[in-house]
Amino acid sequence: MGNVQRAAHLSESAALKPLGLDCTAEAIARRIEEGTFQNIVVLAGAGLSVSAGIPDFRSEGTGLFSKFREMGLPRPEDVFDIRYFPEHPEPFYELCKDMWPGNYQPTPSHYFIRLLHEKGLLLRCFTQNIDSLETLAGLPKSKVVAAHGNFDSASCIATKEPVPIEIAKAHLKKGDWKTLRDKYGGLVKPDIVFYGEALSESFRTRMDEDMPQADLLIVMGTSLKVAPFASLPNMVPDLCPRLLINRELVGQREAEELQGFRFNTHDNYRDVALLGDCDAGVRMICERLGWTGKLKKLMAERKGVPPLPHLTVKAHKIMKQSWALRPYRPIVVKEPPADDIPEEDIPDEEERLEVAVPEEEIAGEGDGNAMGG
């Protein structure tokens, strides 16, 4: 199929596309407002908790892996390796002292997910995070799938027997892990999934049941580098829009592969990137939907919750460009007789992509904001 024919075909089939040919955050917000989405699935990563003061894992210099490297671990990932832990439990127990729920407060992004639930729009929140901030923000446990476990429960790695979480917390916060070990017949740890351990059956069950039901996928603050979590965006229906709120593009399709996000490609019909910090993206969405007051009311339930970010002029400009940027808009023409089209007048793929988003349209979007997630 030639370039002109393919563009015409995309135009004719636009009615079948979830966002038409308008792959923008504005289009998604408009459909939320219209009640199009009733089964929203959220995928959350470490970027969701950064404004709470919890460092992410992979950021160079500030991430947890950088700190573990300074502690002399052979590999930073070893702190979460079930083969390393029995011989060297101290690094993980040091991490536990800092990570117990209550040491940090949920962020505006956590309360945004709760707001989706209270409006009856949230099917499930799948989180990679082990900080339990989703439930601390008031999201029911039944709505949260902690892919890598969290601090809600604990057990002995030798006997597999559960250990009351409050008892585990009392000892581990004092560094008294040896007393726990002697009492329960082996090392005790919160039920966080380590490398080398299988994910829970509940995760796989919810993954298989929930992803096919999603009518909107929101991916927030994750690198999408860890399997099987990284594969979840590919499990939603083909007509389910997918919104990424993140500091950078992730999870993009490689070359001719069918899987992955299709940002800025000629065949994108449902993928939208809102680039910047999670909290700033949440603020823009809530302002657009008139939800800001309700979000702030939920945030006021707890002391110490980080405020919604103030968007600087520079940051707001970046955000607004992400908000309304159309990654691809095909040229729509009626197909004239073939002998009426000089060969040199048919635009090739590269030329069409160059004119897909006129510079004056981007420049005219207004002042905006920057983020990180």
Protein backbone atom coordinates (compact mmCIF):
# COMPACT_ATOMS: atom_id res chain seq x y z
CA MET A 1 0.00 0.00 0.00
CA GLY A 2 1.43 3.39 -0.99
CA ASN A 3 1.85 6.35 1.34
CA VAL A 4 -1.23 8.21 0.13
CA GLN A 5 -3.35 5.06 0.19
CA ARG A 6 -2.19 4.22 3.73
CA ALA A 7 -3.03 7.74 4.94
CA ALA A 8 -6.50 7.50 3.39
CA HIS A 9 -7.00 4.08 4.96
CA LEU A 10 -6.08 5.43 8.40
CA SER A 11 -8.52 8.29 7.96
CA GLU A 12 -11.39 6.00 6.95
CA SER A 13 -10.80 3.68 9.92
CA ALA A 14 -10.46 6.51 12.46
CA ALA A 15 -13.93 5.77 13.82
CA LEU A 16 -12.66 2.39 14.93
CA LYS A 17 -9.76 3.90 16.87
CA PRO A 18 -10.22 4.71 20.56
CA LEU A 19 -8.82 8.23 20.17
CA GLY A 20 -9.67 8.71 16.52
CA LEU A 21 -6.50 10.27 15.16
CA ASP A 22 -6.14 12.54 18.20
CA CYS A 23 -3.44 10.84 20.30
CA THR A 24 -3.21 13.52 22.98
CA ALA A 25 -3.63 13.74 26.73
CA GLU A 26 -6.41 16.25 26.06
CA ALA A 27 -8.31 13.61 24.11
CA ILE A 28 -7.97 11.14 26.97
CA ALA A 29 -9.12 13.75 29.53
CA ARG A 30 -12.11 14.58 27.35
CA ARG A 31 -13.13 10.93 27.21
CA ILE A 32 -12.76 10.58 30.99
CA GLU A 33 -15.06 13.59 31.28
CA GLU A 34 -17.55 12.00 28.88
CA GLY A 35 -17.63 8.76 30.87
CA THR A 36 -16.01 6.63 28.16
CA PHE A 37 -13.69 4.84 30.60
CA GLN A 38 -15.08 2.70 33.42
CA ASN A 39 -12.29 0.14 33.91
CA ILE A 40 -9.05 2.09 34.28
CA VAL A 41 -5.92 0.11 35.13
CA VAL A 42 -2.93 1.94 36.61
CA LEU A 43 0.63 0.61 36.46
CA ALA A 44 2.78 2.39 39.07
CA GLY A 45 6.55 2.49 39.50
CA ALA A 46 9.10 4.15 41.76
CA GLY A 47 8.54 7.57 40.20
CA LEU A 48 5.18 7.66 41.95
CA SER A 49 6.91 7.90 45.36
CA VAL A 50 9.82 10.23 44.59
CA SER A 51 8.10 13.35 45.96
CA ALA A 52 7.51 11.43 49.21
CA GLY A 53 11.28 11.43 49.69
CA ILE A 54 11.77 7.79 48.71
CA PRO A 55 14.54 7.55 46.11
CA ASP A 56 13.92 5.47 43.05
CA PHE A 57 16.16 2.51 42.30
CA ARG A 58 18.04 3.34 39.13
CA SER A 59 18.79 7.08 39.10
CA GLU A 60 22.57 7.50 39.08
CA GLY A 61 23.93 9.08 42.25
CA THR A 62 20.58 9.34 44.07
CA GLY A 63 18.89 5.99 43.44
CA LEU A 64 18.88 3.16 45.95
CA PHE A 65 21.15 1.03 43.78
CA SER A 66 23.80 3.77 43.90
CA LYS A 67 23.61 3.75 47.71
CA PHE A 68 23.90 -0.04 47.83
CA ARG A 69 26.98 0.18 45.64
CA GLU A 70 28.55 2.52 48.18
CA MET A 71 27.86 -0.10 50.87
CA GLY A 72 30.18 -2.48 49.03
CA LEU A 73 27.65 -4.92 47.60
CA PRO A 74 29.06 -6.92 44.67
CA ARG A 75 25.98 -5.86 42.70
CA PRO A 76 23.41 -3.34 43.98
CA GLU A 77 20.62 -5.75 43.05
CA ASP A 78 22.01 -8.30 45.53
CA VAL A 79 20.19 -6.60 48.41
CA PHE A 80 17.02 -8.11 46.92
CA ASP A 81 18.52 -11.47 45.89
CA ILE A 82 17.20 -14.49 47.77
CA ARG A 83 20.53 -16.28 47.22
CA TYR A 84 22.54 -13.40 48.73
CA PHE A 85 20.18 -12.56 51.59
CA PRO A 86 20.69 -15.68 53.80
CA GLU A 87 24.44 -15.07 54.00
CA HIS A 88 24.34 -11.26 54.11
CA PRO A 89 20.99 -10.05 55.51
CA GLU A 90 22.31 -6.78 56.97
CA PRO A 91 21.95 -4.55 53.87
CA PHE A 92 18.30 -5.48 53.44
CA TYR A 93 17.55 -5.00 57.12
CA GLU A 94 19.16 -1.56 56.97
CA LEU A 95 16.83 -0.73 54.10
CA CYS A 96 13.87 -1.98 56.13
CA LYS A 97 14.53 0.51 58.92
CA ASP A 98 13.97 3.35 56.46
CA MET A 99 11.20 1.88 54.33
CA TRP A 100 8.54 0.91 56.89
CA PRO A 101 5.13 2.44 56.14
CA GLY A 102 4.65 5.52 58.27
CA ASN A 103 8.13 6.87 57.62
CA TYR A 104 6.86 8.43 54.39
CA GLN A 105 3.57 9.93 53.31
CA PRO A 106 1.65 9.26 50.09
CA THR A 107 2.05 11.69 47.22
CA PRO A 108 -0.54 13.54 45.12
CA SER A 109 -0.15 10.77 42.56
CA HIS A 110 -1.21 8.14 45.11
CA TYR A 111 -4.27 10.21 45.96
CA PHE A 112 -5.07 10.60 42.26
CA ILE A 113 -5.33 6.83 42.01
CA ARG A 114 -7.61 6.81 45.05
CA LEU A 115 -9.69 9.54 43.41
CA LEU A 116 -10.13 7.33 40.34
CA HIS A 117 -11.40 4.63 42.70
CA GLU A 118 -13.82 6.96 44.51
CA LYS A 119 -15.27 8.03 41.17
CA GLY A 120 -15.86 4.38 40.30
CA LEU A 121 -13.39 4.39 37.44
CA LEU A 122 -10.52 2.25 38.80
CA LEU A 123 -10.45 -1.44 38.04
CA ARG A 124 -7.03 -2.10 39.61
CA CYS A 125 -3.70 -0.54 40.51
CA PHE A 126 -0.71 -2.77 39.78
CA THR A 127 2.34 -1.43 41.57
CA GLN A 128 6.02 -2.32 41.48
CA ASN A 129 6.55 -0.39 44.69
CA ILE A 130 7.13 -2.05 48.05
CA ASP A 131 6.33 1.04 50.15
CA SER A 132 2.58 0.35 50.70
CA LEU A 133 1.80 4.03 50.05
CA GLU A 134 -1.20 3.11 47.87
CA THR A 135 -3.09 1.68 50.83
CA LEU A 136 -1.78 4.41 53.14
CA ALA A 137 -3.48 6.89 50.79
CA GLY A 138 -6.75 5.09 51.43
CA LEU A 139 -6.95 2.82 48.40
CA PRO A 140 -8.63 -0.47 49.43
CA LYS A 141 -6.27 -3.44 49.49
CA SER A 142 -8.59 -5.22 47.08
CA LYS A 143 -7.77 -2.57 44.47
CA VAL A 144 -3.99 -2.93 44.82
CA VAL A 145 -1.84 -5.66 43.31
CA ALA A 146 1.70 -5.38 44.71
CA ALA A 147 3.65 -7.19 42.01
CA HIS A 148 6.80 -7.33 44.13
CA GLY A 149 5.12 -7.58 47.53
CA ASN A 150 5.27 -4.96 50.26
CA PHE A 151 5.40 -4.39 54.02
CA ASP A 152 1.83 -5.48 54.70
CA SER A 153 2.90 -8.97 55.89
CA ALA A 154 6.01 -10.96 56.82
CA SER A 155 7.15 -14.58 56.98
CA CYS A 156 10.11 -16.83 57.75
CA ILE A 157 12.07 -17.75 54.64
CA ALA A 158 12.99 -21.18 56.07
CA THR A 159 9.61 -22.40 57.33
CA LYS A 160 7.37 -20.20 55.11
CA GLU A 161 5.25 -19.57 58.21
CA PRO A 162 3.70 -16.12 58.59
CA VAL A 163 5.06 -13.77 61.23
CA PRO A 164 2.85 -10.98 62.64
CA ILE A 165 3.95 -7.86 60.83
CA GLU A 166 3.93 -5.70 63.97
CA ILE A 167 6.29 -8.12 65.72
CA ALA A 168 8.59 -8.17 62.70
CA LYS A 169 8.51 -4.37 62.51
CA ALA A 170 9.29 -3.90 66.21
CA HIS A 171 12.40 -6.06 66.02
CA LEU A 172 13.68 -5.05 62.58
CA LYS A 173 13.39 -1.32 63.23
CA LYS A 174 15.77 -1.87 66.15
CA GLY A 175 18.12 -4.02 64.06
CA ASP A 176 17.24 -7.03 66.21
CA TRP A 177 16.85 -9.53 63.38
CA LYS A 178 18.73 -12.30 65.20
CA THR A 179 16.05 -12.57 67.90
CA LEU A 180 13.43 -13.04 65.19
CA ARG A 181 15.58 -15.64 63.47
CA ASP A 182 16.01 -17.65 66.68
CA LYS A 183 12.33 -17.42 67.61
CA TYR A 184 10.85 -18.41 64.24
CA GLY A 185 13.47 -20.87 63.00
CA GLY A 186 14.98 -18.79 60.23
CA LEU A 187 15.44 -15.30 58.85
CA VAL A 188 12.26 -13.22 58.81
CA LYS A 189 11.55 -10.65 56.15
CA PRO A 190 8.54 -8.67 54.94
CA ASP A 191 6.82 -10.43 52.06
CA ILE A 192 8.74 -8.57 49.38
CA VAL A 193 9.51 -10.62 46.27
CA PHE A 194 13.26 -11.03 45.85
CA TYR A 195 15.15 -11.93 42.72
CA GLY A 196 14.96 -15.70 42.53
CA GLU A 197 11.49 -15.87 44.11
CA ALA A 198 8.28 -16.47 42.20
CA LEU A 199 5.69 -13.75 41.98
CA SER A 200 2.50 -14.41 43.90
CA GLU A 201 -0.36 -16.37 42.39
CA SER A 202 -2.64 -13.41 43.08
CA PHE A 203 -0.51 -11.23 40.81
CA ARG A 204 -0.78 -13.69 37.93
CA THR A 205 -4.51 -14.20 38.51
CA ARG A 206 -5.27 -10.49 38.56
CA MET A 207 -3.00 -9.91 35.56
CA ASP A 208 -4.84 -12.52 33.49
CA GLU A 209 -8.29 -11.33 34.58
CA ASP A 210 -7.90 -7.55 34.76
CA MET A 211 -5.74 -6.56 31.81
CA PRO A 212 -8.19 -7.82 29.16
CA GLN A 213 -10.96 -5.75 30.82
CA ALA A 214 -9.05 -2.44 30.81
CA ASP A 215 -10.54 0.37 28.74
CA LEU A 216 -7.79 2.87 29.70
CA LEU A 217 -4.25 2.10 30.85
CA ILE A 218 -2.29 4.74 32.81
CA VAL A 219 1.42 3.98 33.28
CA MET A 220 3.11 6.19 35.89
CA GLY A 221 6.73 6.60 36.96
CA THR A 222 8.29 3.35 35.78
CA SER A 223 11.18 2.34 33.55
CA LEU A 224 9.28 -0.76 32.36
CA LYS A 225 12.52 -2.74 32.51
CA VAL A 226 11.59 -5.53 34.92
CA ALA A 227 9.66 -8.56 33.67
CA PRO A 228 6.89 -9.58 33.84
CA PHE A 229 5.61 -6.14 34.87
CA ALA A 230 7.11 -4.65 31.72
CA SER A 231 4.85 -6.82 29.57
CA LEU A 232 1.58 -5.63 31.14
CA PRO A 233 1.00 -2.71 28.71
CA ASN A 234 0.88 -5.26 25.90
CA MET A 235 -1.87 -7.28 27.58
CA VAL A 236 -4.67 -4.71 27.33
CA PRO A 237 -7.12 -4.89 24.40
CA ASP A 238 -6.00 -3.48 21.08
CA LEU A 239 -8.48 -0.60 21.33
CA CYS A 240 -7.51 0.38 24.88
CA PRO A 241 -5.77 3.81 24.98
CA ARG A 242 -2.48 3.88 26.89
CA LEU A 243 -1.25 7.00 28.71
CA LEU A 244 2.34 7.25 29.96
CA ILE A 245 3.06 9.83 32.69
CA ASN A 246 6.82 9.74 33.09
CA ARG A 247 10.02 11.78 32.87
CA GLU A 248 11.02 10.03 29.68
CA LEU A 249 9.64 7.73 27.02
CA VAL A 250 9.87 4.06 27.98
CA GLY A 251 8.57 0.75 26.70
CA GLN A 252 8.67 1.75 23.05
CA ARG A 253 8.34 -0.72 20.23
CA GLU A 254 11.63 -1.90 18.75
CA ALA A 255 11.97 -1.82 14.96
CA GLU A 256 9.34 -4.09 13.40
CA GLU A 257 8.11 -5.64 16.65
CA LEU A 258 4.39 -5.51 17.30
CA GLN A 259 4.73 -5.05 21.08
CA GLY A 260 5.43 -1.77 22.86
CA PHE A 261 4.27 1.85 22.80
CA ARG A 262 4.10 3.52 19.39
CA PHE A 263 4.83 7.13 20.29
CA ASN A 264 5.72 9.25 17.26
CA THR A 265 5.14 6.47 14.74
CA HIS A 266 2.95 6.52 11.66
CA ASP A 267 0.68 3.76 12.99
CA ASN A 268 0.05 5.17 16.49
CA TYR A 269 -3.65 5.29 17.22
CA ARG A 270 -3.85 5.01 21.03
CA ASP A 271 -0.54 5.80 22.80
CA VAL A 272 -0.04 9.15 24.55
CA ALA A 273 2.99 10.43 26.49
CA LEU A 274 2.65 13.15 29.13
CA LEU A 275 6.30 13.80 29.94
CA GLY A 276 7.41 15.09 33.33
CA ASP A 277 7.00 14.28 37.04
CA CYS A 278 4.01 12.15 38.03
CA ASP A 279 2.62 14.78 40.41
CA ALA A 280 2.79 17.49 37.77
CA GLY A 281 1.00 15.28 35.26
CA VAL A 282 -1.66 14.52 37.86
CA ARG A 283 -2.11 18.23 38.52
CA MET A 284 -2.69 18.97 34.85
CA ILE A 285 -5.20 16.15 34.47
CA CYS A 286 -7.12 17.15 37.60
CA GLU A 287 -7.19 20.81 36.60
CA ARG A 288 -8.53 19.85 33.18
CA LEU A 289 -11.26 17.66 34.73
CA GLY A 290 -12.16 20.02 37.58
CA TRP A 291 -10.97 17.49 40.16
CA THR A 292 -8.34 19.60 41.91
CA GLY A 293 -10.50 20.51 44.89
CA LYS A 294 -11.49 16.90 45.54
CA LEU A 295 -7.88 15.77 45.19
CA LYS A 296 -6.69 18.37 47.72
CA LYS A 297 -9.45 17.32 50.12
CA LEU A 298 -8.22 13.73 50.03
CA MET A 299 -4.62 14.85 50.48
CA ALA A 300 -5.62 16.86 53.57
CA GLU A 301 -6.63 13.66 55.39
CA ARG A 302 -2.99 13.04 56.37
CA LYS A 303 -0.31 15.37 57.67
CA GLY A 304 2.92 15.70 55.76
CA VAL A 305 1.57 14.85 52.31
CA PRO A 306 3.70 16.67 49.70
CA PRO A 307 1.69 19.45 48.04
CA LEU A 308 0.74 19.55 44.40
CA PRO A 309 3.76 20.96 42.56
CA HIS A 310 3.88 24.55 41.44
CA LEU A 311 4.45 24.55 37.72
CA THR A 312 7.12 27.00 36.64
CA VAL A 313 6.72 28.78 33.31
CA LYS A 314 9.40 26.61 31.71
CA ALA A 315 8.01 23.43 33.18
CA HIS A 316 4.47 24.36 32.24
CA LYS A 317 5.52 24.97 28.66
CA ILE A 318 7.05 21.49 28.42
CA MET A 319 3.97 19.98 30.00
CA LYS A 320 1.57 21.82 27.71
CA GLN A 321 3.49 20.63 24.68
CA SER A 322 3.19 17.07 25.96
CA TRP A 323 -0.47 17.69 26.73
CA ALA A 324 -1.50 18.64 23.21
CA LEU A 325 1.23 17.13 21.06
CA ARG A 326 -0.07 14.90 18.32
CA PRO A 327 2.72 12.36 17.72
CA TYR A 328 1.42 11.69 14.22
CA ARG A 329 -1.26 13.09 11.99
CA PRO A 330 -1.46 11.62 8.50
CA ILE A 331 -2.11 13.72 5.42
CA VAL A 332 -5.70 12.96 4.38
CA VAL A 333 -6.42 13.14 0.66
CA LYS A 334 -8.87 11.58 -1.71
CA GLU A 335 -7.21 9.11 -4.02
CA PRO A 336 -7.20 10.59 -7.57
CA PRO A 337 -6.58 8.48 -10.65
CA ALA A 338 -3.05 7.11 -10.53
CA ASP A 339 -2.05 8.76 -13.81
CA ASP A 340 -2.94 12.19 -12.33
CA ILE A 341 -0.28 11.98 -9.62
CA PRO A 342 3.28 12.75 -10.69
CA GLU A 343 5.57 10.34 -8.85
CA GLU A 344 7.56 13.19 -7.31
CA ASP A 345 4.40 14.64 -5.69
CA ILE A 346 3.71 11.58 -3.54
CA PRO A 347 5.23 12.28 -0.09
CA ASP A 348 7.38 9.55 1.31
CA GLU A 349 7.18 8.40 4.94
CA GLU A 350 9.94 10.69 6.18
CA GLU A 351 8.38 13.78 4.58
CA ARG A 352 4.96 13.03 6.05
CA LEU A 353 6.36 12.67 9.54
CA GLU A 354 8.15 15.98 9.19
CA VAL A 355 4.88 17.81 8.51
CA ALA A 356 2.81 15.83 11.00
CA VAL A 357 3.08 18.48 13.74
CA PRO A 358 3.68 22.03 12.49
CA GLU A 359 6.11 23.97 14.65
CA GLU A 360 3.75 26.91 15.00
CA GLU A 361 1.11 24.60 16.51
CA ILE A 362 3.51 23.42 19.21
CA ALA A 363 4.82 26.92 19.88
CA GLY A 364 1.27 28.20 20.22
CA GLU A 365 0.23 25.79 22.93
CA GLY A 366 1.03 28.29 25.69
CA ASP A 367 3.22 28.28 28.74
CA GLY A 368 3.73 25.03 30.57
CA ASN A 369 5.67 22.88 33.10
CA ALA A 370 8.30 20.16 33.59
CA MET A 371 8.22 17.04 35.71
CA GLY A 372 9.98 13.83 36.76
CA GLY A 373 8.74 10.29 37.46
